Amino acid sequence: MRRFFYAVNNDNADASSLPKLNELPLGSNVELPDSVVHHWCRVLRANIGDQGILFDGFGGEYTVELQAISKKNATATLLTHIDDDRTPPTITQIGLVMSRGERMDYAIQKATELGVTAIQLLSSHHGEVTLKPAQVEKKLAHWQQVAIAACEQCGLNRPPLILAPQSINEWLSNTNSDTKTNEAKTTDITKAQMAVSSIVSVLSHDPYYQVLANAADLCVQMSVPAAGQPAMPNALSDTLKQQTPYIKLLIGPEGGLSQDECQQAESVGFKPWQIGTRVLRTETAPVVALATLHALST
């Protein structure tokens, strides 16, 4: 069956008019968001009685059956709840320096399929992309939709949050302050919740995502192979043995991070990690890093 993301806060509706699915009893009729109506009813030409799967990012998914279709709206009945959490045991936030066009879409799509929890968009000294303020909302919505579409395809029930761009210096400075006080952590949580597309703004308040504002158990920088540098951080194996480890990964642009950026990352606790003896592209590095984490944690 086709899977669709049921956005609690749809751009064309008041968030209060689209309740969380887990707030409704089975047998209830729900109004479908515009994005689902367009894709399922118009593009795929679904008919009344057709069944599909809805997930809203708050856990699990629901089998639904179309009950009514009009020119602009559609409703479906909640039939069954599938309490299946397909998120990996490791919480991961990737600080990813933005690249151009399809390469960035590819990185987000594949990182989503491999279960990344969040992607922090970064600009850097050698980066190709620096968004103007007027561009941020549109690009953020586009990249969040790329992640959502990947979730619909791969079965992930909790979409990763795509966090609004920051300079790498700002992100690293915030990383350094994560461990200072609980008050600082609370402030960072609020910032993280607001720095996302409106598509997932309500979802970002869910406790599952609030861990992103805490201090990571390990911070790792994907680095260019260098002589005398350990292939893997010594603490990685022990970190992955924790019940729910939280790992931050920093991935630079095609031209690599500047010397100052590397030094700043090191100063706030990022450990170098080189996977193999080859230099990976910026869109390949997230795939290799996440796949390696999964392999090491099994």
C-alpha atoms as a PDB file:
ATOM      1  CA  MET A   1       0.000   0.000   0.000  1.00  0.00           C
ATOM      2  CA  ARG A   2       1.055   3.575  -0.605  1.00  0.00           C
ATOM      3  CA  ARG A   3       2.383   5.517   2.380  1.00  0.00           C
ATOM      4  CA  PHE A   4       1.687   9.219   2.935  1.00  0.00           C
ATOM      5  CA  PHE A   5       2.884  11.758   5.479  1.00  0.00           C
ATOM      6  CA  TYR A   6      -0.029  13.303   7.358  1.00  0.00           C
ATOM      7  CA  ALA A   7       1.301  16.766   8.243  1.00  0.00           C
ATOM      8  CA  VAL A   8      -0.388  17.938  11.427  1.00  0.00           C
ATOM      9  CA  ASN A   9       0.306  21.569  10.506  1.00  0.00           C
ATOM     10  CA  ASN A  10      -0.589  21.947   6.844  1.00  0.00           C
ATOM     11  CA  ASP A  11       0.261  25.253   5.143  1.00  0.00           C
ATOM     12  CA  ASN A  12      -3.320  25.660   3.969  1.00  0.00           C
ATOM     13  CA  ALA A  13      -5.050  24.833   7.227  1.00  0.00           C
ATOM     14  CA  ASP A  14      -4.978  25.799  10.874  1.00  0.00           C
ATOM     15  CA  ALA A  15      -2.854  23.270  12.745  1.00  0.00           C
ATOM     16  CA  SER A  16      -5.709  22.747  15.203  1.00  0.00           C
ATOM     17  CA  SER A  17      -7.939  21.426  12.386  1.00  0.00           C
ATOM     18  CA  LEU A  18      -5.594  18.502  11.754  1.00  0.00           C
ATOM     19  CA  PRO A  19      -5.255  16.506  14.991  1.00  0.00           C
ATOM     20  CA  LYS A  20      -2.549  13.989  15.707  1.00  0.00           C
ATOM     21  CA  LEU A  21      -3.609  10.569  14.509  1.00  0.00           C
ATOM     22  CA  ASN A  22      -3.025   9.022  17.935  1.00  0.00           C
ATOM     23  CA  GLU A  23      -5.606  11.410  19.407  1.00  0.00           C
ATOM     24  CA  LEU A  24      -8.368   9.776  17.360  1.00  0.00           C
ATOM     25  CA  PRO A  25     -10.040   6.405  17.973  1.00  0.00           C
ATOM     26  CA  LEU A  26      -9.990   3.767  15.260  1.00  0.00           C
ATOM     27  CA  GLY A  27     -13.004   4.158  12.995  1.00  0.00           C
ATOM     28  CA  SER A  28     -12.716   7.959  12.975  1.00  0.00           C
ATOM     29  CA  ASN A  29     -12.809   9.876   9.714  1.00  0.00           C
ATOM     30  CA  VAL A  30      -9.905  12.253   9.120  1.00  0.00           C
ATOM     31  CA  GLU A  31      -9.565  15.039   6.611  1.00  0.00           C
ATOM     32  CA  LEU A  32      -6.477  14.497   4.500  1.00  0.00           C
ATOM     33  CA  PRO A  33      -3.885  17.271   4.096  1.00  0.00           C
ATOM     34  CA  ASP A  34      -3.719  18.970   0.694  1.00  0.00           C
ATOM     35  CA  SER A  35      -0.434  17.250  -0.132  1.00  0.00           C
ATOM     36  CA  VAL A  36      -1.979  13.787   0.361  1.00  0.00           C
ATOM     37  CA  VAL A  37      -5.143  14.717  -1.564  1.00  0.00           C
ATOM     38  CA  HIS A  38      -3.025  15.926  -4.473  1.00  0.00           C
ATOM     39  CA  HIS A  39      -0.685  12.932  -4.586  1.00  0.00           C
ATOM     40  CA  TRP A  40      -3.099  10.121  -3.738  1.00  0.00           C
ATOM     41  CA  CYS A  41      -6.372  11.312  -5.267  1.00  0.00           C
ATOM     42  CA  ARG A  42      -5.234  13.414  -8.217  1.00  0.00           C
ATOM     43  CA  VAL A  43      -1.851  12.084  -9.296  1.00  0.00           C
ATOM     44  CA  LEU A  44      -2.462   8.418  -8.438  1.00  0.00           C
ATOM     45  CA  ARG A  45      -6.228   8.688  -9.126  1.00  0.00           C
ATOM     46  CA  ALA A  46      -7.298   6.759  -6.057  1.00  0.00           C
ATOM     47  CA  ASN A  47     -10.960   5.834  -5.660  1.00  0.00           C
ATOM     48  CA  ILE A  48     -13.310   5.550  -2.708  1.00  0.00           C
ATOM     49  CA  GLY A  49     -12.574   2.289  -0.933  1.00  0.00           C
ATOM     50  CA  ASP A  50      -8.868   2.303  -1.765  1.00  0.00           C
ATOM     51  CA  GLN A  51      -6.575   1.729   1.206  1.00  0.00           C
ATOM     52  CA  GLY A  52      -3.283   3.364   2.115  1.00  0.00           C
ATOM     53  CA  ILE A  53      -1.047   4.130   5.092  1.00  0.00           C
ATOM     54  CA  LEU A  54      -0.745   7.432   6.962  1.00  0.00           C
ATOM     55  CA  PHE A  55       2.006   8.403   9.397  1.00  0.00           C
ATOM     56  CA  ASP A  56       2.334  11.761  11.168  1.00  0.00           C
ATOM     57  CA  GLY A  57       5.810  11.419  12.674  1.00  0.00           C
ATOM     58  CA  PHE A  58       4.633  10.913  16.249  1.00  0.00           C
ATOM     59  CA  GLY A  59       5.148   7.144  16.137  1.00  0.00           C
ATOM     60  CA  GLY A  60       3.623   4.220  14.297  1.00  0.00           C
ATOM     61  CA  GLU A  61       1.337   4.375  11.278  1.00  0.00           C
ATOM     62  CA  TYR A  62      -2.300   3.817  10.357  1.00  0.00           C
ATOM     63  CA  THR A  63      -4.031   1.839   7.650  1.00  0.00           C
ATOM     64  CA  VAL A  64      -6.808   4.012   6.217  1.00  0.00           C
ATOM     65  CA  GLU A  65      -9.580   3.698   3.642  1.00  0.00           C
ATOM     66  CA  LEU A  66     -10.797   6.530   1.434  1.00  0.00           C
ATOM     67  CA  GLN A  67     -14.372   7.471   2.270  1.00  0.00           C
ATOM     68  CA  ALA A  68     -15.036  10.626   0.263  1.00  0.00           C
ATOM     69  CA  ILE A  69     -13.308  12.572  -2.489  1.00  0.00           C
ATOM     70  CA  SER A  70     -14.296  16.017  -3.757  1.00  0.00           C
ATOM     71  CA  LYS A  71     -12.591  18.489  -6.019  1.00  0.00           C
ATOM     72  CA  LYS A  72     -10.467  19.962  -3.206  1.00  0.00           C
ATOM     73  CA  ASN A  73     -10.855  17.626  -0.228  1.00  0.00           C
ATOM     74  CA  ALA A  74     -10.829  13.978   0.766  1.00  0.00           C
ATOM     75  CA  THR A  75     -11.511  12.024   3.950  1.00  0.00           C
ATOM     76  CA  ALA A  76     -10.364   8.603   5.084  1.00  0.00           C
ATOM     77  CA  THR A  77     -11.288   6.221   7.901  1.00  0.00           C
ATOM     78  CA  LEU A  78      -8.689   4.976  10.379  1.00  0.00           C
ATOM     79  CA  LEU A  79      -8.815   1.178  10.196  1.00  0.00           C
ATOM     80  CA  THR A  80      -5.827  -0.170  12.140  1.00  0.00           C
ATOM     81  CA  HIS A  81      -2.804   1.122  14.008  1.00  0.00           C
ATOM     82  CA  ILE A  82       0.601  -0.427  13.344  1.00  0.00           C
ATOM     83  CA  ASP A  83       2.873   0.227  16.323  1.00  0.00           C
ATOM     84  CA  ASP A  84       6.111  -0.273  14.437  1.00  0.00           C
ATOM     85  CA  ASP A  85       9.041   2.070  15.111  1.00  0.00           C
ATOM     86  CA  ARG A  86      11.636   1.736  12.352  1.00  0.00           C
ATOM     87  CA  THR A  87      14.017   4.385  13.659  1.00  0.00           C
ATOM     88  CA  PRO A  88      17.587   3.219  14.318  1.00  0.00           C
ATOM     89  CA  PRO A  89      18.765   2.890  17.936  1.00  0.00           C
ATOM     90  CA  THR A  90      21.366   5.622  17.373  1.00  0.00           C
ATOM     91  CA  ILE A  91      20.291   9.281  17.329  1.00  0.00           C
ATOM     92  CA  THR A  92      22.288  11.110  14.657  1.00  0.00           C
ATOM     93  CA  GLN A  93      22.528  14.756  13.710  1.00  0.00           C
ATOM     94  CA  ILE A  94      24.578  15.558  10.617  1.00  0.00           C
ATOM     95  CA  GLY A  95      26.045  19.012  10.232  1.00  0.00           C
ATOM     96  CA  LEU A  96      26.141  19.106   6.429  1.00  0.00           C
ATOM     97  CA  VAL A  97      27.692  21.927   4.423  1.00  0.00           C
ATOM     98  CA  MET A  98      25.233  22.714   1.632  1.00  0.00           C
ATOM     99  CA  SER A  99      25.999  21.685  -1.949  1.00  0.00           C
ATOM    100  CA  ARG A 100      24.290  22.483  -5.214  1.00  0.00           C
ATOM    101  CA  GLY A 101      21.236  20.971  -6.894  1.00  0.00           C
ATOM    102  CA  GLU A 102      20.773  17.244  -7.103  1.00  0.00           C
ATOM    103  CA  ARG A 103      23.813  16.466  -4.953  1.00  0.00           C
ATOM    104  CA  MET A 104      22.152  18.042  -1.921  1.00  0.00           C
ATOM    105  CA  ASP A 105      18.846  16.299  -2.644  1.00  0.00           C
ATOM    106  CA  TYR A 106      20.717  12.994  -2.936  1.00  0.00           C
ATOM    107  CA  ALA A 107      22.522  13.486   0.385  1.00  0.00           C
ATOM    108  CA  ILE A 108      19.263  14.260   2.216  1.00  0.00           C
ATOM    109  CA  GLN A 109      17.327  11.451   0.531  1.00  0.00           C
ATOM    110  CA  LYS A 110      19.890   8.750   1.258  1.00  0.00           C
ATOM    111  CA  ALA A 111      20.624   9.972   4.792  1.00  0.00           C
ATOM    112  CA  THR A 112      16.877   9.754   5.464  1.00  0.00           C
ATOM    113  CA  GLU A 113      16.702   6.208   4.138  1.00  0.00           C
ATOM    114  CA  LEU A 114      19.518   5.317   6.536  1.00  0.00           C
ATOM    115  CA  GLY A 115      17.637   6.777   9.499  1.00  0.00           C
ATOM    116  CA  VAL A 116      19.279  10.135  10.249  1.00  0.00           C
ATOM    117  CA  THR A 117      17.442  12.065  12.984  1.00  0.00           C
ATOM    118  CA  ALA A 118      18.268  15.593  11.822  1.00  0.00           C
ATOM    119  CA  ILE A 119      20.361  17.421   9.259  1.00  0.00           C
ATOM    120  CA  GLN A 120      21.735  20.815  10.195  1.00  0.00           C
ATOM    121  CA  LEU A 121      22.358  22.830   7.033  1.00  0.00           C
ATOM    122  CA  LEU A 122      25.686  24.645   7.160  1.00  0.00           C
ATOM    123  CA  SER A 123      27.591  27.247   5.201  1.00  0.00           C
ATOM    124  CA  SER A 124      31.383  27.268   5.326  1.00  0.00           C
ATOM    125  CA  HIS A 125      34.445  29.020   3.935  1.00  0.00           C
ATOM    126  CA  HIS A 126      34.828  26.581   1.026  1.00  0.00           C
ATOM    127  CA  GLY A 127      31.106  25.870   0.637  1.00  0.00           C
ATOM    128  CA  GLU A 128      29.336  26.275  -2.690  1.00  0.00           C
ATOM    129  CA  VAL A 129      26.013  27.546  -1.345  1.00  0.00           C
ATOM    130  CA  THR A 130      25.103  30.498   0.844  1.00  0.00           C
ATOM    131  CA  LEU A 131      21.380  31.210   0.925  1.00  0.00           C
ATOM    132  CA  LYS A 132      19.991  34.713   1.005  1.00  0.00           C
ATOM    133  CA  PRO A 133      17.340  35.321   3.703  1.00  0.00           C
ATOM    134  CA  ALA A 134      14.586  35.384   1.075  1.00  0.00           C
ATOM    135  CA  GLN A 135      15.632  31.942  -0.175  1.00  0.00           C
ATOM    136  CA  VAL A 136      15.730  30.115   3.142  1.00  0.00           C
ATOM    137  CA  GLU A 137      12.034  29.298   3.594  1.00  0.00           C
ATOM    138  CA  LYS A 138      11.619  27.944   0.058  1.00  0.00           C
ATOM    139  CA  LYS A 139      14.788  25.833   0.128  1.00  0.00           C
ATOM    140  CA  LEU A 140      14.064  24.563   3.633  1.00  0.00           C
ATOM    141  CA  ALA A 141      10.579  23.441   2.550  1.00  0.00           C
ATOM    142  CA  HIS A 142      12.021  21.756  -0.550  1.00  0.00           C
ATOM    143  CA  TRP A 143      14.659  19.811   1.385  1.00  0.00           C
ATOM    144  CA  GLN A 144      12.145  18.834   4.084  1.00  0.00           C
ATOM    145  CA  GLN A 145       9.860  17.478   1.361  1.00  0.00           C
ATOM    146  CA  VAL A 146      12.771  15.481  -0.064  1.00  0.00           C
ATOM    147  CA  ALA A 147      13.197  13.876   3.363  1.00  0.00           C
ATOM    148  CA  ILE A 148       9.464  13.224   3.735  1.00  0.00           C
ATOM    149  CA  ALA A 149       9.251  11.601   0.289  1.00  0.00           C
ATOM    150  CA  ALA A 150      12.165   9.341   1.254  1.00  0.00           C
ATOM    151  CA  CYS A 151      10.285   8.364   4.446  1.00  0.00           C
ATOM    152  CA  GLU A 152       7.176   7.518   2.449  1.00  0.00           C
ATOM    153  CA  GLN A 153       9.267   5.248   0.239  1.00  0.00           C
ATOM    154  CA  CYS A 154      11.487   3.522   2.814  1.00  0.00           C
ATOM    155  CA  GLY A 155       9.042   3.024   5.689  1.00  0.00           C
ATOM    156  CA  LEU A 156      10.602   5.381   8.248  1.00  0.00           C
ATOM    157  CA  ASN A 157       7.831   6.713  10.502  1.00  0.00           C
ATOM    158  CA  ARG A 158       9.677   9.687  11.975  1.00  0.00           C
ATOM    159  CA  PRO A 159      11.007  12.092   9.330  1.00  0.00           C
ATOM    160  CA  PRO A 160      14.342  13.760  10.023  1.00  0.00           C
ATOM    161  CA  LEU A 161      14.214  17.456  10.800  1.00  0.00           C
ATOM    162  CA  ILE A 162      15.996  19.641   8.257  1.00  0.00           C
ATOM    163  CA  LEU A 163      17.286  22.553  10.331  1.00  0.00           C
ATOM    164  CA  ALA A 164      17.613  26.054   8.874  1.00  0.00           C
ATOM    165  CA  PRO A 165      21.096  27.074   7.705  1.00  0.00           C
ATOM    166  CA  GLN A 166      23.750  28.313  10.081  1.00  0.00           C
ATOM    167  CA  SER A 167      27.372  29.184   9.561  1.00  0.00           C
ATOM    168  CA  ILE A 168      29.639  26.359  10.609  1.00  0.00           C
ATOM    169  CA  ASN A 169      31.228  28.695  13.177  1.00  0.00           C
ATOM    170  CA  GLU A 170      27.849  29.359  14.805  1.00  0.00           C
ATOM    171  CA  TRP A 171      26.929  25.663  14.874  1.00  0.00           C
ATOM    172  CA  LEU A 172      30.248  24.680  16.408  1.00  0.00           C
ATOM    173  CA  SER A 173      29.938  27.441  18.991  1.00  0.00           C
ATOM    174  CA  ASN A 174      26.496  26.106  19.987  1.00  0.00           C
ATOM    175  CA  THR A 175      27.941  22.611  20.189  1.00  0.00           C
ATOM    176  CA  ASN A 176      30.517  23.895  22.648  1.00  0.00           C
ATOM    177  CA  SER A 177      27.808  25.440  24.827  1.00  0.00           C
ATOM    178  CA  ASP A 178      25.633  22.296  24.913  1.00  0.00           C
ATOM    179  CA  THR A 179      27.357  20.948  28.007  1.00  0.00           C
ATOM    180  CA  LYS A 180      27.336  24.103  30.113  1.00  0.00           C
ATOM    181  CA  THR A 181      23.983  24.180  31.903  1.00  0.00           C
ATOM    182  CA  ASN A 182      20.511  22.709  31.723  1.00  0.00           C
ATOM    183  CA  GLU A 183      19.240  26.228  31.095  1.00  0.00           C
ATOM    184  CA  ALA A 184      21.388  26.441  27.970  1.00  0.00           C
ATOM    185  CA  LYS A 185      20.014  23.107  26.796  1.00  0.00           C
ATOM    186  CA  THR A 186      16.430  24.344  27.182  1.00  0.00           C
ATOM    187  CA  THR A 187      17.225  27.462  25.154  1.00  0.00           C
ATOM    188  CA  ASP A 188      18.775  25.358  22.410  1.00  0.00           C
ATOM    189  CA  ILE A 189      15.686  23.123  22.278  1.00  0.00           C
ATOM    190  CA  THR A 190      13.479  26.130  21.644  1.00  0.00           C
ATOM    191  CA  LYS A 191      15.775  27.332  18.880  1.00  0.00           C
ATOM    192  CA  ALA A 192      15.844  23.893  17.258  1.00  0.00           C
ATOM    193  CA  GLN A 193      12.061  23.668  17.233  1.00  0.00           C
ATOM    194  CA  MET A 194      11.662  27.033  15.497  1.00  0.00           C
ATOM    195  CA  ALA A 195      14.408  26.566  12.914  1.00  0.00           C
ATOM    196  CA  VAL A 196      12.483  24.135  10.700  1.00  0.00           C
ATOM    197  CA  SER A 197      10.007  24.298   7.846  1.00  0.00           C
ATOM    198  CA  SER A 198       6.376  24.895   8.806  1.00  0.00           C
ATOM    199  CA  ILE A 199       5.678  21.397   7.447  1.00  0.00           C
ATOM    200  CA  VAL A 200       7.202  19.901  10.612  1.00  0.00           C
ATOM    201  CA  SER A 201       7.056  22.779  13.090  1.00  0.00           C
ATOM    202  CA  VAL A 202       4.526  21.050  15.376  1.00  0.00           C
ATOM    203  CA  LEU A 203       6.367  17.742  15.044  1.00  0.00           C
ATOM    204  CA  SER A 204       9.630  19.361  16.130  1.00  0.00           C
ATOM    205  CA  HIS A 205       8.163  19.899  19.629  1.00  0.00           C
ATOM    206  CA  ASP A 206       7.815  16.141  20.168  1.00  0.00           C
ATOM    207  CA  PRO A 207      10.086  14.830  22.972  1.00  0.00           C
ATOM    208  CA  TYR A 208      11.705  12.409  20.521  1.00  0.00           C
ATOM    209  CA  TYR A 209      13.440  15.306  18.771  1.00  0.00           C
ATOM    210  CA  GLN A 210      14.335  17.314  21.886  1.00  0.00           C
ATOM    211  CA  VAL A 211      17.401  15.175  22.491  1.00  0.00           C
ATOM    212  CA  LEU A 212      18.927  16.999  19.508  1.00  0.00           C
ATOM    213  CA  ALA A 213      19.537  20.005  21.733  1.00  0.00           C
ATOM    214  CA  ASN A 214      21.420  17.979  24.349  1.00  0.00           C
ATOM    215  CA  ALA A 215      25.124  17.392  24.409  1.00  0.00           C
ATOM    216  CA  ALA A 216      26.049  14.579  22.038  1.00  0.00           C
ATOM    217  CA  ASP A 217      27.685  11.455  23.407  1.00  0.00           C
ATOM    218  CA  LEU A 218      30.252  11.745  20.621  1.00  0.00           C
ATOM    219  CA  CYS A 219      31.076  14.376  17.994  1.00  0.00           C
ATOM    220  CA  VAL A 220      32.805  13.167  14.847  1.00  0.00           C
ATOM    221  CA  GLN A 221      34.263  15.004  11.856  1.00  0.00           C
ATOM    222  CA  MET A 222      34.436  13.121   8.574  1.00  0.00           C
ATOM    223  CA  SER A 223      37.963  13.939   7.508  1.00  0.00           C
ATOM    224  CA  VAL A 224      40.253  13.557   4.531  1.00  0.00           C
ATOM    225  CA  PRO A 225      42.588  10.561   4.964  1.00  0.00           C
ATOM    226  CA  ALA A 226      45.864  11.640   6.546  1.00  0.00           C
ATOM    227  CA  ALA A 227      48.955   9.773   7.678  1.00  0.00           C
ATOM    228  CA  GLY A 228      49.197   9.215  11.414  1.00  0.00           C
ATOM    229  CA  GLN A 229      45.487   9.892  11.979  1.00  0.00           C
ATOM    230  CA  PRO A 230      43.401   7.105  13.556  1.00  0.00           C
ATOM    231  CA  ALA A 231      40.955   5.486  11.130  1.00  0.00           C
ATOM    232  CA  MET A 232      38.178   5.540  13.722  1.00  0.00           C
ATOM    233  CA  PRO A 233      37.698   7.515  16.952  1.00  0.00           C
ATOM    234  CA  ASN A 234      38.637   5.346  19.902  1.00  0.00           C
ATOM    235  CA  ALA A 235      35.382   6.179  21.704  1.00  0.00           C
ATOM    236  CA  LEU A 236      33.066   5.197  18.841  1.00  0.00           C
ATOM    237  CA  SER A 237      32.705   1.506  19.672  1.00  0.00           C
ATOM    238  CA  ASP A 238      31.947   2.182  23.344  1.00  0.00           C
ATOM    239  CA  THR A 239      29.495   4.956  22.445  1.00  0.00           C
ATOM    240  CA  LEU A 240      27.521   2.655  20.160  1.00  0.00           C
ATOM    241  CA  LYS A 241      27.113   0.159  23.020  1.00  0.00           C
ATOM    242  CA  GLN A 242      24.953   2.664  24.924  1.00  0.00           C
ATOM    243  CA  GLN A 243      21.195   2.133  24.864  1.00  0.00           C
ATOM    244  CA  THR A 244      20.381   5.224  22.778  1.00  0.00           C
ATOM    245  CA  PRO A 245      23.623   6.927  21.804  1.00  0.00           C
ATOM    246  CA  TYR A 246      23.550  10.413  20.303  1.00  0.00           C
ATOM    247  CA  ILE A 247      26.238  11.166  17.714  1.00  0.00           C
ATOM    248  CA  LYS A 248      26.914  14.385  15.815  1.00  0.00           C
ATOM    249  CA  LEU A 249      28.692  14.142  12.481  1.00  0.00           C
ATOM    250  CA  LEU A 250      30.290  17.064  10.681  1.00  0.00           C
ATOM    251  CA  ILE A 251      30.610  16.747   6.905  1.00  0.00           C
ATOM    252  CA  GLY A 252      32.351  19.470   4.951  1.00  0.00           C
ATOM    253  CA  PRO A 253      32.032  20.673   1.345  1.00  0.00           C
ATOM    254  CA  GLU A 254      33.796  19.399  -1.773  1.00  0.00           C
ATOM    255  CA  GLY A 255      36.739  21.682  -1.077  1.00  0.00           C
ATOM    256  CA  GLY A 256      36.995  20.507   2.518  1.00  0.00           C
ATOM    257  CA  LEU A 257      36.860  22.555   5.692  1.00  0.00           C
ATOM    258  CA  SER A 258      39.313  25.378   6.177  1.00  0.00           C
ATOM    259  CA  GLN A 259      42.149  24.997   8.656  1.00  0.00           C
ATOM    260  CA  ASP A 260      40.417  27.398  11.046  1.00  0.00           C
ATOM    261  CA  GLU A 261      37.164  25.406  10.837  1.00  0.00           C
ATOM    262  CA  CYS A 262      39.004  22.143  11.499  1.00  0.00           C
ATOM    263  CA  GLN A 263      40.731  23.685  14.496  1.00  0.00           C
ATOM    264  CA  GLN A 264      37.444  25.042  15.848  1.00  0.00           C
ATOM    265  CA  ALA A 265      35.791  21.639  15.438  1.00  0.00           C
ATOM    266  CA  GLU A 266      38.670  20.001  17.295  1.00  0.00           C
ATOM    267  CA  SER A 267      38.470  22.584  20.066  1.00  0.00           C
ATOM    268  CA  VAL A 268      34.815  21.728  20.795  1.00  0.00           C
ATOM    269  CA  GLY A 269      35.411  17.990  20.866  1.00  0.00           C
ATOM    270  CA  PHE A 270      34.982  16.715  17.300  1.00  0.00           C
ATOM    271  CA  LYS A 271      37.134  13.659  16.667  1.00  0.00           C
ATOM    272  CA  PRO A 272      38.436  12.956  13.136  1.00  0.00           C
ATOM    273  CA  TRP A 273      37.065   9.899  11.359  1.00  0.00           C
ATOM    274  CA  GLN A 274      38.455   8.708   8.043  1.00  0.00           C
ATOM    275  CA  ILE A 275      36.653   5.803   6.401  1.00  0.00           C
ATOM    276  CA  GLY A 276      39.053   4.050   4.071  1.00  0.00           C
ATOM    277  CA  THR A 277      41.872   5.627   2.109  1.00  0.00           C
ATOM    278  CA  ARG A 278      39.798   7.467  -0.487  1.00  0.00           C
ATOM    279  CA  VAL A 279      38.327  10.965  -0.481  1.00  0.00           C
ATOM    280  CA  LEU A 280      34.512  10.782  -0.480  1.00  0.00           C
ATOM    281  CA  ARG A 281      32.209  13.288  -2.125  1.00  0.00           C
ATOM    282  CA  THR A 282      30.126  15.405   0.199  1.00  0.00           C
ATOM    283  CA  GLU A 283      26.913  13.606  -0.864  1.00  0.00           C
ATOM    284  CA  THR A 284      28.527  10.179  -0.433  1.00  0.00           C
ATOM    285  CA  ALA A 285      29.965  10.773   3.033  1.00  0.00           C
ATOM    286  CA  PRO A 286      26.583  10.770   4.887  1.00  0.00           C
ATOM    287  CA  VAL A 287      25.646   7.446   3.286  1.00  0.00           C
ATOM    288  CA  VAL A 288      28.951   5.787   4.165  1.00  0.00           C
ATOM    289  CA  ALA A 289      29.032   7.213   7.692  1.00  0.00           C
ATOM    290  CA  LEU A 290      25.473   6.197   8.593  1.00  0.00           C
ATOM    291  CA  ALA A 291      25.800   2.750   7.025  1.00  0.00           C
ATOM    292  CA  THR A 292      29.037   2.202   8.951  1.00  0.00           C
ATOM    293  CA  LEU A 293      27.372   3.259  12.222  1.00  0.00           C
ATOM    294  CA  HIS A 294      24.570   0.771  11.602  1.00  0.00           C
ATOM    295  CA  ALA A 295      27.056  -2.000  10.855  1.00  0.00           C
ATOM    296  CA  LEU A 296      29.094  -1.254  13.968  1.00  0.00           C
ATOM    297  CA  SER A 297      26.028  -1.126  16.228  1.00  0.00           C
ATOM    298  CA  THR A 298      24.664  -4.533  15.228  1.00  0.00           C
END
